Amino acid sequence: MKGQAPSYWIDANTLVKGLFIQNSDQRMILDMAACNIVELHATNKVWNTILWLITNNMKINGQPVISGQELGELKMRLPVFFH
């Protein structure tokens, strides 16, 4: 019987690098979390930072390219528990 995966707290920098830089250590950590090898935790402030980054930088002609619903889906799909 396996025990619970070790858990780690991550910051916004780790999450951003993991999402946007392939072959980085941060991406490897996110991949490991997606496979339940580790468990990742972050504060709600980290999610707010990601939300701010996406909504302010991913626009076409001044309009966001990602809807609020899609942002909610992204949050649910990330292998991170936000507290």
Protein backbone atom coordinates (compact mmCIF):
# COMPACT_ATOMS: atom_id res chain seq x y z
CA MET A 1 0.00 0.00 0.00
CA LYS A 2 1.36 3.38 -0.99
CA GLY A 3 1.45 6.33 1.36
CA GLN A 4 0.39 9.83 0.53
CA ALA A 5 2.56 11.72 -1.93
CA PRO A 6 4.95 14.22 -0.35
CA SER A 7 3.52 17.73 -0.42
CA TYR A 8 5.27 20.98 -1.23
CA TRP A 9 4.29 24.62 -1.22
CA ILE A 10 5.05 26.57 -4.39
CA ASP A 11 5.11 30.25 -5.19
CA ALA A 12 3.90 32.19 -8.22
CA ASN A 13 7.36 32.20 -9.81
CA THR A 14 7.49 28.40 -9.74
CA LEU A 15 4.00 28.09 -11.20
CA VAL A 16 4.63 30.59 -14.01
CA LYS A 17 7.90 28.94 -15.01
CA GLY A 18 6.27 25.53 -14.84
CA LEU A 19 3.46 26.63 -17.12
CA PHE A 20 5.50 28.53 -19.69
CA ILE A 21 9.03 27.06 -19.78
CA GLN A 22 9.27 23.56 -21.21
CA ASN A 23 11.98 21.27 -19.85
CA SER A 24 12.41 23.41 -16.73
CA ASP A 25 12.64 21.98 -13.23
CA GLN A 26 9.38 23.78 -12.47
CA ARG A 27 7.63 22.02 -15.38
CA MET A 28 8.94 18.71 -14.09
CA ILE A 29 7.43 19.44 -10.67
CA LEU A 30 4.04 20.24 -12.26
CA ASP A 31 4.24 17.04 -14.31
CA MET A 32 5.03 15.05 -11.18
CA ALA A 33 2.03 16.60 -9.43
CA ALA A 34 -0.19 15.72 -12.39
CA CYS A 35 0.95 12.10 -11.98
CA ASN A 36 0.31 12.18 -8.19
CA ILE A 37 3.98 11.67 -7.41
CA VAL A 38 3.99 14.88 -5.36
CA GLU A 39 1.23 17.12 -4.07
CA LEU A 40 1.53 20.85 -4.67
CA HIS A 41 -0.03 23.59 -2.56
CA ALA A 42 -0.15 27.35 -3.06
CA THR A 43 -1.89 30.29 -1.48
CA ASN A 44 -4.85 31.99 -3.13
CA LYS A 45 -2.50 34.95 -3.59
CA VAL A 46 -0.47 32.79 -6.00
CA TRP A 47 -3.61 32.12 -8.05
CA ASN A 48 -4.44 35.83 -8.02
CA THR A 49 -0.96 36.56 -9.38
CA ILE A 50 -1.46 34.05 -12.20
CA LEU A 51 -4.91 35.49 -12.88
CA TRP A 52 -3.48 39.02 -13.05
CA LEU A 53 -0.67 37.88 -15.36
CA ILE A 54 -3.04 36.18 -17.78
CA THR A 55 -5.74 38.85 -17.86
CA ASN A 56 -3.29 41.71 -18.29
CA ASN A 57 -0.95 40.12 -20.80
CA MET A 58 -3.05 37.82 -22.95
CA LYS A 59 -5.15 40.25 -24.97
CA ILE A 60 -5.93 40.85 -28.61
CA ASN A 61 -6.97 44.40 -29.51
CA GLY A 62 -7.38 45.15 -25.81
CA GLN A 63 -9.79 42.26 -25.24
CA PRO A 64 -8.95 39.24 -23.09
CA VAL A 65 -8.43 36.04 -25.07
CA ILE A 66 -9.51 33.85 -22.14
CA SER A 67 -12.99 34.08 -20.64
CA GLY A 68 -13.73 33.95 -16.94
CA GLN A 69 -15.14 30.46 -17.36
CA GLU A 70 -11.95 29.30 -19.07
CA LEU A 71 -9.87 30.80 -16.25
CA GLY A 72 -11.96 28.86 -13.74
CA GLU A 73 -11.41 25.68 -15.75
CA LEU A 74 -7.67 26.36 -15.85
CA LYS A 75 -7.58 26.70 -12.07
CA MET A 76 -9.39 23.39 -11.67
CA ARG A 77 -7.06 21.63 -14.12
CA LEU A 78 -3.83 22.77 -12.51
CA PRO A 79 -2.31 20.08 -10.29
CA VAL A 80 -2.15 22.54 -7.39
CA PHE A 81 -4.32 22.89 -4.28
CA PHE A 82 -4.98 26.59 -3.68
CA HIS A 83 -5.65 27.66 -0.07
